[in-house]
Amino acid sequence: MTNLLHAKCHPLEGGEPMADAQIRSHLNEVSGWHFDGKAIEKTFTFKDWLETIAFVDAMAWICHTEDHHPDVALSYNRCVIRFNTHSVGGVSINDFICAAKVNALVAFAA
């Protein structure tokens, strides 16, 4: 297994997406995330709007520093994060690196 939390995203232009078996293996490393056939996704729930926005701001900074950006669906006390890698047409290691870092952000804030 990879130490996802300490890994860095890297450009994958022209690469191949992960096989389903690799995705299932890496899902064991990122609690609460699931694969929907196209992306990995997790829903985060918060106390209120301010906590939700604070999470989105912090998550955005992490993803910006990795140069790997998710799709985000936002509501009052909920945020759904979806990662996939457009340059490979599916899920890549970069998605799992960012998922691990987002999980660590929530664990740190708890």
PDB file of N, CA and C in Angstrom:
ATOM      1  N   MET A   1       0.828  -1.190   0.000  1.00  0.00           N
ATOM      2  CA  MET A   1       0.000   0.000   0.000  1.00  0.00           C
ATOM      3  C   MET A   1       0.871   1.251   0.000  1.00  0.00           C
ATOM      4  N   THR A   2       0.316   2.299  -0.517  1.00  0.00           N
ATOM      5  CA  THR A   2       0.988   3.584  -0.614  1.00  0.00           C
ATOM      6  C   THR A   2       0.716   4.406   0.637  1.00  0.00           C
ATOM      7  N   ASN A   3       1.678   5.213   1.063  1.00  0.00           N
ATOM      8  CA  ASN A   3       1.410   6.161   2.135  1.00  0.00           C
ATOM      9  C   ASN A   3       0.792   7.396   1.496  1.00  0.00           C
ATOM     10  N   LEU A   4      -0.502   7.352   1.298  1.00  0.00           N
ATOM     11  CA  LEU A   4      -1.215   8.384   0.550  1.00  0.00           C
ATOM     12  C   LEU A   4      -1.107   9.760   1.184  1.00  0.00           C
ATOM     13  N   LEU A   5      -1.134   9.815   2.491  1.00  0.00           N
ATOM     14  CA  LEU A   5      -1.134  11.100   3.181  1.00  0.00           C
ATOM     15  C   LEU A   5       0.148  11.885   2.930  1.00  0.00           C
ATOM     16  N   HIS A   6       1.247  11.211   2.710  1.00  0.00           N
ATOM     17  CA  HIS A   6       2.525  11.885   2.503  1.00  0.00           C
ATOM     18  C   HIS A   6       2.949  11.931   1.033  1.00  0.00           C
ATOM     19  N   ALA A   7       2.138  11.387   0.153  1.00  0.00           N
ATOM     20  CA  ALA A   7       2.437  11.397  -1.278  1.00  0.00           C
ATOM     21  C   ALA A   7       2.038  12.747  -1.881  1.00  0.00           C
ATOM     22  N   LYS A   8       2.561  13.039  -3.043  1.00  0.00           N
ATOM     23  CA  LYS A   8       2.224  14.252  -3.789  1.00  0.00           C
ATOM     24  C   LYS A   8       1.610  13.845  -5.127  1.00  0.00           C
ATOM     25  N   CYS A   9       0.634  14.604  -5.562  1.00  0.00           N
ATOM     26  CA  CYS A   9       0.052  14.391  -6.884  1.00  0.00           C
ATOM     27  C   CYS A   9       1.064  14.769  -7.952  1.00  0.00           C
ATOM     28  N   HIS A  10       0.982  14.096  -9.091  1.00  0.00           N
ATOM     29  CA  HIS A  10       1.866  14.417 -10.197  1.00  0.00           C
ATOM     30  C   HIS A  10       1.081  14.314 -11.510  1.00  0.00           C
ATOM     31  N   PRO A  11       1.528  15.021 -12.541  1.00  0.00           N
ATOM     32  CA  PRO A  11       0.816  15.001 -13.819  1.00  0.00           C
ATOM     33  C   PRO A  11       0.748  13.582 -14.382  1.00  0.00           C
ATOM     34  N   LEU A  12      -0.404  13.238 -14.945  1.00  0.00           N
ATOM     35  CA  LEU A  12      -0.614  11.893 -15.476  1.00  0.00           C
ATOM     36  C   LEU A  12      -1.078  11.912 -16.928  1.00  0.00           C
ATOM     37  N   GLU A  13      -0.799  12.995 -17.635  1.00  0.00           N
ATOM     38  CA  GLU A  13      -1.234  13.115 -19.024  1.00  0.00           C
ATOM     39  C   GLU A  13      -0.841  11.872 -19.814  1.00  0.00           C
ATOM     40  N   GLY A  14      -1.808  11.318 -20.526  1.00  0.00           N
ATOM     41  CA  GLY A  14      -1.547  10.152 -21.359  1.00  0.00           C
ATOM     42  C   GLY A  14      -1.517   8.838 -20.601  1.00  0.00           C
ATOM     43  N   GLY A  15      -1.737   8.891 -19.294  1.00  0.00           N
ATOM     44  CA  GLY A  15      -1.737   7.673 -18.495  1.00  0.00           C
ATOM     45  C   GLY A  15      -3.059   6.941 -18.583  1.00  0.00           C
ATOM     46  N   GLU A  16      -3.107   5.809 -17.927  1.00  0.00           N
ATOM     47  CA  GLU A  16      -4.299   4.975 -17.906  1.00  0.00           C
ATOM     48  C   GLU A  16      -4.999   5.098 -16.549  1.00  0.00           C
ATOM     49  N   PRO A  17      -6.315   4.983 -16.526  1.00  0.00           N
ATOM     50  CA  PRO A  17      -7.011   4.969 -15.242  1.00  0.00           C
ATOM     51  C   PRO A  17      -6.714   3.671 -14.493  1.00  0.00           C
ATOM     52  N   MET A  18      -6.934   3.693 -13.192  1.00  0.00           N
ATOM     53  CA  MET A  18      -6.748   2.500 -12.373  1.00  0.00           C
ATOM     54  C   MET A  18      -7.773   1.437 -12.750  1.00  0.00           C
ATOM     55  N   ALA A  19      -7.349   0.197 -12.618  1.00  0.00           N
ATOM     56  CA  ALA A  19      -8.270  -0.929 -12.779  1.00  0.00           C
ATOM     57  C   ALA A  19      -9.155  -1.016 -11.536  1.00  0.00           C
ATOM     58  N   ASP A  20     -10.309  -1.629 -11.676  1.00  0.00           N
ATOM     59  CA  ASP A  20     -11.246  -1.745 -10.564  1.00  0.00           C
ATOM     60  C   ASP A  20     -10.612  -2.401  -9.340  1.00  0.00           C
ATOM     61  N   ALA A  21      -9.768  -3.395  -9.538  1.00  0.00           N
ATOM     62  CA  ALA A  21      -9.118  -4.072  -8.403  1.00  0.00           C
ATOM     63  C   ALA A  21      -8.203  -3.105  -7.648  1.00  0.00           C
ATOM     64  N   GLN A  22      -7.476  -2.262  -8.370  1.00  0.00           N
ATOM     65  CA  GLN A  22      -6.627  -1.257  -7.722  1.00  0.00           C
ATOM     66  C   GLN A  22      -7.476  -0.253  -6.952  1.00  0.00           C
ATOM     67  N   ILE A  23      -8.576   0.149  -7.538  1.00  0.00           N
ATOM     68  CA  ILE A  23      -9.470   1.110  -6.884  1.00  0.00           C
ATOM     69  C   ILE A  23      -9.997   0.510  -5.585  1.00  0.00           C
ATOM     70  N   ARG A  24     -10.472  -0.725  -5.638  1.00  0.00           N
ATOM     71  CA  ARG A  24     -10.992  -1.385  -4.430  1.00  0.00           C
ATOM     72  C   ARG A  24      -9.914  -1.468  -3.357  1.00  0.00           C
ATOM     73  N   SER A  25      -8.693  -1.769  -3.753  1.00  0.00           N
ATOM     74  CA  SER A  25      -7.592  -1.856  -2.796  1.00  0.00           C
ATOM     75  C   SER A  25      -7.331  -0.511  -2.127  1.00  0.00           C
ATOM     76  N   HIS A  26      -7.266   0.548  -2.914  1.00  0.00           N
ATOM     77  CA  HIS A  26      -7.006   1.883  -2.362  1.00  0.00           C
ATOM     78  C   HIS A  26      -8.177   2.413  -1.536  1.00  0.00           C
ATOM     79  N   LEU A  27      -9.391   1.979  -1.838  1.00  0.00           N
ATOM     80  CA  LEU A  27     -10.537   2.417  -1.039  1.00  0.00           C
ATOM     81  C   LEU A  27     -10.395   1.979   0.416  1.00  0.00           C
ATOM     82  N   ASN A  28      -9.671   0.906   0.665  1.00  0.00           N
ATOM     83  CA  ASN A  28      -9.420   0.456   2.040  1.00  0.00           C
ATOM     84  C   ASN A  28      -8.566   1.448   2.816  1.00  0.00           C
ATOM     85  N   GLU A  29      -7.877   2.339   2.105  1.00  0.00           N
ATOM     86  CA  GLU A  29      -6.991   3.313   2.742  1.00  0.00           C
ATOM     87  C   GLU A  29      -7.662   4.655   3.010  1.00  0.00           C
ATOM     88  N   VAL A  30      -8.850   4.869   2.474  1.00  0.00           N
ATOM     89  CA  VAL A  30      -9.537   6.157   2.622  1.00  0.00           C
ATOM     90  C   VAL A  30     -10.954   5.913   3.144  1.00  0.00           C
ATOM     91  N   SER A  31     -11.075   5.958   4.428  1.00  0.00           N
ATOM     92  CA  SER A  31     -12.332   5.640   5.110  1.00  0.00           C
ATOM     93  C   SER A  31     -13.485   6.496   4.600  1.00  0.00           C
ATOM     94  N   GLY A  32     -14.608   5.823   4.314  1.00  0.00           N
ATOM     95  CA  GLY A  32     -15.832   6.527   3.956  1.00  0.00           C
ATOM     96  C   GLY A  32     -15.993   6.851   2.484  1.00  0.00           C
ATOM     97  N   TRP A  33     -14.968   6.652   1.685  1.00  0.00           N
ATOM     98  CA  TRP A  33     -15.058   6.940   0.256  1.00  0.00           C
ATOM     99  C   TRP A  33     -15.591   5.707  -0.462  1.00  0.00           C
ATOM    100  N   HIS A  34     -16.328   5.935  -1.553  1.00  0.00           N
ATOM    101  CA  HIS A  34     -16.795   4.821  -2.376  1.00  0.00           C
ATOM    102  C   HIS A  34     -16.596   5.155  -3.850  1.00  0.00           C
ATOM    103  N   PHE A  35     -16.589   4.134  -4.663  1.00  0.00           N
ATOM    104  CA  PHE A  35     -16.413   4.267  -6.104  1.00  0.00           C
ATOM    105  C   PHE A  35     -17.771   4.088  -6.762  1.00  0.00           C
ATOM    106  N   ASP A  36     -18.162   5.049  -7.586  1.00  0.00           N
ATOM    107  CA  ASP A  36     -19.472   4.979  -8.238  1.00  0.00           C
ATOM    108  C   ASP A  36     -19.389   4.539  -9.696  1.00  0.00           C
ATOM    109  N   GLY A  37     -18.234   4.047 -10.099  1.00  0.00           N
ATOM    110  CA  GLY A  37     -18.044   3.621 -11.482  1.00  0.00           C
ATOM    111  C   GLY A  37     -17.315   4.642 -12.328  1.00  0.00           C
ATOM    112  N   LYS A  38     -17.278   5.894 -11.848  1.00  0.00           N
ATOM    113  CA  LYS A  38     -16.605   6.964 -12.588  1.00  0.00           C
ATOM    114  C   LYS A  38     -15.666   7.777 -11.713  1.00  0.00           C
ATOM    115  N   ALA A  39     -15.957   7.856 -10.427  1.00  0.00           N
ATOM    116  CA  ALA A  39     -15.191   8.705  -9.507  1.00  0.00           C
ATOM    117  C   ALA A  39     -15.265   8.102  -8.107  1.00  0.00           C
ATOM    118  N   ILE A  40     -14.371   8.596  -7.235  1.00  0.00           N
ATOM    119  CA  ILE A  40     -14.532   8.269  -5.823  1.00  0.00           C
ATOM    120  C   ILE A  40     -15.234   9.444  -5.171  1.00  0.00           C
ATOM    121  N   GLU A  41     -16.076   9.144  -4.192  1.00  0.00           N
ATOM    122  CA  GLU A  41     -16.957  10.166  -3.634  1.00  0.00           C
ATOM    123  C   GLU A  41     -17.140   9.940  -2.135  1.00  0.00           C
ATOM    124  N   LYS A  42     -17.301  11.056  -1.419  1.00  0.00           N
ATOM    125  CA  LYS A  42     -17.627  10.993   0.003  1.00  0.00           C
ATOM    126  C   LYS A  42     -18.483  12.200   0.359  1.00  0.00           C
ATOM    127  N   THR A  43     -19.454  11.973   1.249  1.00  0.00           N
ATOM    128  CA  THR A  43     -20.304  13.048   1.760  1.00  0.00           C
ATOM    129  C   THR A  43     -19.858  13.393   3.172  1.00  0.00           C
ATOM    130  N   PHE A  44     -19.646  14.671   3.413  1.00  0.00           N
ATOM    131  CA  PHE A  44     -19.261  15.182   4.725  1.00  0.00           C
ATOM    132  C   PHE A  44     -20.425  15.996   5.264  1.00  0.00           C
ATOM    133  N   THR A  45     -20.744  15.803   6.540  1.00  0.00           N
ATOM    134  CA  THR A  45     -21.843  16.520   7.181  1.00  0.00           C
ATOM    135  C   THR A  45     -21.283  17.367   8.321  1.00  0.00           C
ATOM    136  N   PHE A  46     -21.813  18.581   8.445  1.00  0.00           N
ATOM    137  CA  PHE A  46     -21.321  19.542   9.427  1.00  0.00           C
ATOM    138  C   PHE A  46     -22.470  20.110  10.248  1.00  0.00           C
ATOM    139  N   LYS A  47     -22.122  20.866  11.272  1.00  0.00           N
ATOM    140  CA  LYS A  47     -23.108  21.458  12.176  1.00  0.00           C
ATOM    141  C   LYS A  47     -23.947  22.527  11.476  1.00  0.00           C
ATOM    142  N   ASP A  48     -23.296  23.356  10.656  1.00  0.00           N
ATOM    143  CA  ASP A  48     -24.000  24.485  10.060  1.00  0.00           C
ATOM    144  C   ASP A  48     -23.237  24.983   8.835  1.00  0.00           C
ATOM    145  N   TRP A  49     -23.738  26.059   8.268  1.00  0.00           N
ATOM    146  CA  TRP A  49     -23.158  26.657   7.058  1.00  0.00           C
ATOM    147  C   TRP A  49     -21.707  27.076   7.267  1.00  0.00           C
ATOM    148  N   LEU A  50     -21.413  27.725   8.393  1.00  0.00           N
ATOM    149  CA  LEU A  50     -20.063  28.214   8.644  1.00  0.00           C
ATOM    150  C   LEU A  50     -19.052  27.067   8.686  1.00  0.00           C
ATOM    151  N   GLU A  51     -19.379  25.972   9.357  1.00  0.00           N
ATOM    152  CA  GLU A  51     -18.479  24.811   9.383  1.00  0.00           C
ATOM    153  C   GLU A  51     -18.310  24.209   7.992  1.00  0.00           C
ATOM    154  N   THR A  52     -19.398  24.175   7.244  1.00  0.00           N
ATOM    155  CA  THR A  52     -19.334  23.625   5.889  1.00  0.00           C
ATOM    156  C   THR A  52     -18.411  24.463   5.013  1.00  0.00           C
ATOM    157  N   ILE A  53     -18.563  25.770   5.066  1.00  0.00           N
ATOM    158  CA  ILE A  53     -17.733  26.657   4.252  1.00  0.00           C
ATOM    159  C   ILE A  53     -16.277  26.619   4.709  1.00  0.00           C
ATOM    160  N   ALA A  54     -16.036  26.541   6.009  1.00  0.00           N
ATOM    161  CA  ALA A  54     -14.666  26.438   6.511  1.00  0.00           C
ATOM    162  C   ALA A  54     -14.004  25.170   5.981  1.00  0.00           C
ATOM    163  N   PHE A  55     -14.750  24.069   5.961  1.00  0.00           N
ATOM    164  CA  PHE A  55     -14.236  22.827   5.398  1.00  0.00           C
ATOM    165  C   PHE A  55     -13.908  22.998   3.917  1.00  0.00           C
ATOM    166  N   VAL A  56     -14.837  23.571   3.170  1.00  0.00           N
ATOM    167  CA  VAL A  56     -14.619  23.750   1.722  1.00  0.00           C
ATOM    168  C   VAL A  56     -13.390  24.627   1.472  1.00  0.00           C
ATOM    169  N   ASP A  57     -13.231  25.696   2.237  1.00  0.00           N
ATOM    170  CA  ASP A  57     -12.061  26.567   2.068  1.00  0.00           C
ATOM    171  C   ASP A  57     -10.763  25.807   2.334  1.00  0.00           C
ATOM    172  N   ALA A  58     -10.721  25.058   3.422  1.00  0.00           N
ATOM    173  CA  ALA A  58      -9.506  24.309   3.761  1.00  0.00           C
ATOM    174  C   ALA A  58      -9.246  23.204   2.740  1.00  0.00           C
ATOM    175  N   MET A  59     -10.296  22.491   2.329  1.00  0.00           N
ATOM    176  CA  MET A  59     -10.159  21.443   1.331  1.00  0.00           C
ATOM    177  C   MET A  59      -9.684  22.028   0.002  1.00  0.00           C
ATOM    178  N   ALA A  60     -10.199  23.187  -0.358  1.00  0.00           N
ATOM    179  CA  ALA A  60      -9.793  23.831  -1.604  1.00  0.00           C
ATOM    180  C   ALA A  60      -8.302  24.162  -1.596  1.00  0.00           C
ATOM    181  N   TRP A  61      -7.807  24.617  -0.454  1.00  0.00           N
ATOM    182  CA  TRP A  61      -6.385  24.942  -0.361  1.00  0.00           C
ATOM    183  C   TRP A  61      -5.531  23.682  -0.529  1.00  0.00           C
ATOM    184  N   ILE A  62      -5.926  22.604   0.123  1.00  0.00           N
ATOM    185  CA  ILE A  62      -5.185  21.341  -0.004  1.00  0.00           C
ATOM    186  C   ILE A  62      -5.156  20.905  -1.467  1.00  0.00           C
ATOM    187  N   CYS A  63      -6.308  20.921  -2.110  1.00  0.00           N
ATOM    188  CA  CYS A  63      -6.381  20.482  -3.510  1.00  0.00           C
ATOM    189  C   CYS A  63      -5.619  21.424  -4.430  1.00  0.00           C
ATOM    190  N   HIS A  64      -5.627  22.704  -4.126  1.00  0.00           N
ATOM    191  CA  HIS A  64      -4.860  23.666  -4.917  1.00  0.00           C
ATOM    192  C   HIS A  64      -3.361  23.366  -4.824  1.00  0.00           C
ATOM    193  N   THR A  65      -2.879  23.068  -3.622  1.00  0.00           N
ATOM    194  CA  THR A  65      -1.447  22.781  -3.474  1.00  0.00           C
ATOM    195  C   THR A  65      -1.061  21.489  -4.180  1.00  0.00           C
ATOM    196  N   GLU A  66      -2.015  20.579  -4.357  1.00  0.00           N
ATOM    197  CA  GLU A  66      -1.759  19.336  -5.092  1.00  0.00           C
ATOM    198  C   GLU A  66      -2.036  19.487  -6.588  1.00  0.00           C
ATOM    199  N   ASP A  67      -2.614  20.604  -6.992  1.00  0.00           N
ATOM    200  CA  ASP A  67      -3.018  20.848  -8.380  1.00  0.00           C
ATOM    201  C   ASP A  67      -3.922  19.723  -8.893  1.00  0.00           C
ATOM    202  N   HIS A  68      -4.853  19.335  -8.021  1.00  0.00           N
ATOM    203  CA  HIS A  68      -5.815  18.277  -8.366  1.00  0.00           C
ATOM    204  C   HIS A  68      -7.140  18.657  -7.723  1.00  0.00           C
ATOM    205  N   HIS A  69      -8.142  18.917  -8.535  1.00  0.00           N
ATOM    206  CA  HIS A  69      -9.346  19.583  -8.056  1.00  0.00           C
ATOM    207  C   HIS A  69     -10.583  18.701  -8.193  1.00  0.00           C
ATOM    208  N   PRO A  70     -11.397  18.639  -7.135  1.00  0.00           N
ATOM    209  CA  PRO A  70     -12.589  17.792  -7.161  1.00  0.00           C
ATOM    210  C   PRO A  70     -13.811  18.522  -7.710  1.00  0.00           C
ATOM    211  N   ASP A  71     -14.854  17.747  -7.924  1.00  0.00           N
ATOM    212  CA  ASP A  71     -16.189  18.306  -8.109  1.00  0.00           C
ATOM    213  C   ASP A  71     -16.780  18.411  -6.708  1.00  0.00           C
ATOM    214  N   VAL A  72     -17.467  19.505  -6.446  1.00  0.00           N
ATOM    215  CA  VAL A  72     -17.996  19.771  -5.110  1.00  0.00           C
ATOM    216  C   VAL A  72     -19.476  20.123  -5.223  1.00  0.00           C
ATOM    217  N   ALA A  73     -20.300  19.454  -4.404  1.00  0.00           N
ATOM    218  CA  ALA A  73     -21.717  19.808  -4.277  1.00  0.00           C
ATOM    219  C   ALA A  73     -21.912  20.269  -2.841  1.00  0.00           C
ATOM    220  N   LEU A  74     -22.442  21.464  -2.691  1.00  0.00           N
ATOM    221  CA  LEU A  74     -22.470  22.133  -1.399  1.00  0.00           C
ATOM    222  C   LEU A  74     -23.893  22.500  -1.009  1.00  0.00           C
ATOM    223  N   SER A  75     -24.238  22.273   0.264  1.00  0.00           N
ATOM    224  CA  SER A  75     -25.499  22.748   0.816  1.00  0.00           C
ATOM    225  C   SER A  75     -25.246  23.258   2.229  1.00  0.00           C
ATOM    226  N   TYR A  76     -26.289  23.585   2.951  1.00  0.00           N
ATOM    227  CA  TYR A  76     -26.172  24.236   4.256  1.00  0.00           C
ATOM    228  C   TYR A  76     -25.212  23.523   5.207  1.00  0.00           C
ATOM    229  N   ASN A  77     -25.382  22.227   5.385  1.00  0.00           N
ATOM    230  CA  ASN A  77     -24.536  21.505   6.343  1.00  0.00           C
ATOM    231  C   ASN A  77     -23.948  20.230   5.745  1.00  0.00           C
ATOM    232  N   ARG A  78     -23.809  20.212   4.441  1.00  0.00           N
ATOM    233  CA  ARG A  78     -23.335  19.009   3.765  1.00  0.00           C
ATOM    234  C   ARG A  78     -22.485  19.374   2.561  1.00  0.00           C
ATOM    235  N   CYS A  79     -21.488  18.547   2.315  1.00  0.00           N
ATOM    236  CA  CYS A  79     -20.623  18.752   1.161  1.00  0.00           C
ATOM    237  C   CYS A  79     -20.275  17.383   0.578  1.00  0.00           C
ATOM    238  N   VAL A  80     -20.516  17.221  -0.708  1.00  0.00           N
ATOM    239  CA  VAL A  80     -20.168  15.988  -1.400  1.00  0.00           C
ATOM    240  C   VAL A  80     -18.947  16.285  -2.265  1.00  0.00           C
ATOM    241  N   ILE A  81     -17.898  15.491  -2.061  1.00  0.00           N
ATOM    242  CA  ILE A  81     -16.645  15.645  -2.813  1.00  0.00           C
ATOM    243  C   ILE A  81     -16.494  14.444  -3.747  1.00  0.00           C
ATOM    244  N   ARG A  82     -16.195  14.726  -5.019  1.00  0.00           N
ATOM    245  CA  ARG A  82     -15.961  13.670  -6.024  1.00  0.00           C
ATOM    246  C   ARG A  82     -14.621  13.922  -6.698  1.00  0.00           C
ATOM    247  N   PHE A  83     -13.782  12.911  -6.678  1.00  0.00           N
ATOM    248  CA  PHE A  83     -12.499  12.982  -7.367  1.00  0.00           C
ATOM    249  C   PHE A  83     -12.462  11.990  -8.509  1.00  0.00           C
ATOM    250  N   ASN A  84     -12.013  12.452  -9.659  1.00  0.00           N
ATOM    251  CA  ASN A  84     -11.549  11.606 -10.750  1.00  0.00           C
ATOM    252  C   ASN A  84     -10.511  12.411 -11.510  1.00  0.00           C
ATOM    253  N   THR A  85      -9.776  11.732 -12.358  1.00  0.00           N
ATOM    254  CA  THR A  85      -8.670  12.379 -13.061  1.00  0.00           C
ATOM    255  C   THR A  85      -9.028  12.485 -14.537  1.00  0.00           C
ATOM    256  N   HIS A  86      -9.383  13.675 -14.967  1.00  0.00           N
ATOM    257  CA  HIS A  86      -9.836  13.886 -16.342  1.00  0.00           C
ATOM    258  C   HIS A  86      -8.773  13.489 -17.363  1.00  0.00           C
ATOM    259  N   SER A  87      -7.504  13.715 -17.048  1.00  0.00           N
ATOM    260  CA  SER A  87      -6.441  13.446 -18.018  1.00  0.00           C
ATOM    261  C   SER A  87      -6.249  11.960 -18.292  1.00  0.00           C
ATOM    262  N   VAL A  88      -6.754  11.088 -17.424  1.00  0.00           N
ATOM    263  CA  VAL A  88      -6.658   9.645 -17.680  1.00  0.00           C
ATOM    264  C   VAL A  88      -8.023   9.024 -17.948  1.00  0.00           C
ATOM    265  N   GLY A  89      -9.069   9.823 -17.841  1.00  0.00           N
ATOM    266  CA  GLY A  89     -10.409   9.324 -18.117  1.00  0.00           C
ATOM    267  C   GLY A  89     -10.954   8.378 -17.063  1.00  0.00           C
ATOM    268  N   GLY A  90     -10.563   8.585 -15.814  1.00  0.00           N
ATOM    269  CA  GLY A  90     -11.061   7.725 -14.737  1.00  0.00           C
ATOM    270  C   GLY A  90     -10.379   8.059 -13.431  1.00  0.00           C
ATOM    271  N   VAL A  91     -10.293   7.092 -12.561  1.00  0.00           N
ATOM    272  CA  VAL A  91      -9.696   7.282 -11.246  1.00  0.00           C
ATOM    273  C   VAL A  91      -8.201   6.987 -11.306  1.00  0.00           C
ATOM    274  N   SER A  92      -7.427   7.814 -10.593  1.00  0.00           N
ATOM    275  CA  SER A  92      -5.967   7.632 -10.531  1.00  0.00           C
ATOM    276  C   SER A  92      -5.495   7.733  -9.088  1.00  0.00           C
ATOM    277  N   ILE A  93      -4.227   7.494  -8.889  1.00  0.00           N
ATOM    278  CA  ILE A  93      -3.628   7.619  -7.568  1.00  0.00           C
ATOM    279  C   ILE A  93      -3.792   9.036  -7.022  1.00  0.00           C
ATOM    280  N   ASN A  94      -3.797  10.039  -7.882  1.00  0.00           N
ATOM    281  CA  ASN A  94      -3.973  11.420  -7.426  1.00  0.00           C
ATOM    282  C   ASN A  94      -5.295  11.606  -6.685  1.00  0.00           C
ATOM    283  N   ASP A  95      -6.333  10.899  -7.116  1.00  0.00           N
ATOM    284  CA  ASP A  95      -7.629  11.000  -6.448  1.00  0.00           C
ATOM    285  C   ASP A  95      -7.540  10.471  -5.021  1.00  0.00           C
ATOM    286  N   PHE A  96      -6.832   9.389  -4.844  1.00  0.00           N
ATOM    287  CA  PHE A  96      -6.687   8.801  -3.511  1.00  0.00           C
ATOM    288  C   PHE A  96      -5.767   9.623  -2.615  1.00  0.00           C
ATOM    289  N   ILE A  97      -4.758  10.233  -3.199  1.00  0.00           N
ATOM    290  CA  ILE A  97      -3.880  11.119  -2.419  1.00  0.00           C
ATOM    291  C   ILE A  97      -4.706  12.267  -1.840  1.00  0.00           C
ATOM    292  N   CYS A  98      -5.508  12.896  -2.670  1.00  0.00           N
ATOM    293  CA  CYS A  98      -6.329  14.022  -2.192  1.00  0.00           C
ATOM    294  C   CYS A  98      -7.403  13.552  -1.227  1.00  0.00           C
ATOM    295  N   ALA A  99      -8.002  12.400  -1.477  1.00  0.00           N
ATOM    296  CA  ALA A  99      -9.017  11.874  -0.556  1.00  0.00           C
ATOM    297  C   ALA A  99      -8.413  11.642   0.829  1.00  0.00           C
ATOM    298  N   ALA A 100      -7.205  11.094   0.886  1.00  0.00           N
ATOM    299  CA  ALA A 100      -6.540  10.860   2.175  1.00  0.00           C
ATOM    300  C   ALA A 100      -6.274  12.176   2.888  1.00  0.00           C
ATOM    301  N   LYS A 101      -5.872  13.192   2.146  1.00  0.00           N
ATOM    302  CA  LYS A 101      -5.578  14.488   2.753  1.00  0.00           C
ATOM    303  C   LYS A 101      -6.855  15.179   3.231  1.00  0.00           C
ATOM    304  N   VAL A 102      -7.946  15.023   2.512  1.00  0.00           N
ATOM    305  CA  VAL A 102      -9.219  15.588   2.947  1.00  0.00           C
ATOM    306  C   VAL A 102      -9.698  14.860   4.211  1.00  0.00           C
ATOM    307  N   ASN A 103      -9.563  13.549   4.243  1.00  0.00           N
ATOM    308  CA  ASN A 103      -9.921  12.809   5.464  1.00  0.00           C
ATOM    309  C   ASN A 103      -9.093  13.284   6.651  1.00  0.00           C
ATOM    310  N   ALA A 104      -7.803  13.514   6.446  1.00  0.00           N
ATOM    311  CA  ALA A 104      -6.933  13.977   7.531  1.00  0.00           C
ATOM    312  C   ALA A 104      -7.354  15.360   8.007  1.00  0.00           C
ATOM    313  N   LEU A 105      -7.792  16.207   7.093  1.00  0.00           N
ATOM    314  CA  LEU A 105      -8.271  17.541   7.472  1.00  0.00           C
ATOM    315  C   LEU A 105      -9.447  17.428   8.434  1.00  0.00           C
ATOM    316  N   VAL A 106     -10.389  16.578   8.133  1.00  0.00           N
ATOM    317  CA  VAL A 106     -11.570  16.416   8.982  1.00  0.00           C
ATOM    318  C   VAL A 106     -11.167  15.785  10.320  1.00  0.00           C
ATOM    319  N   ALA A 107     -10.275  14.824  10.288  1.00  0.00           N
ATOM    320  CA  ALA A 107      -9.818  14.183  11.533  1.00  0.00           C
ATOM    321  C   ALA A 107      -9.085  15.195  12.412  1.00  0.00           C
ATOM    322  N   PHE A 108      -8.297  16.068  11.812  1.00  0.00           N
ATOM    323  CA  PHE A 108      -7.551  17.079  12.551  1.00  0.00           C
ATOM    324  C   PHE A 108      -8.493  18.082  13.211  1.00  0.00           C
ATOM    325  N   ALA A 109      -9.566  18.432  12.513  1.00  0.00           N
ATOM    326  CA  ALA A 109     -10.502  19.441  13.008  1.00  0.00           C
ATOM    327  C   ALA A 109     -11.442  18.897  14.090  1.00  0.00           C
ATOM    328  N   ALA A 110     -11.563  17.593  14.167  1.00  0.00           N
ATOM    329  CA  ALA A 110     -12.516  16.999  15.136  1.00  0.00           C
ATOM    330  C   ALA A 110     -12.046  17.128  16.561  1.00  0.00           C
TER     331      ALA A 110
END
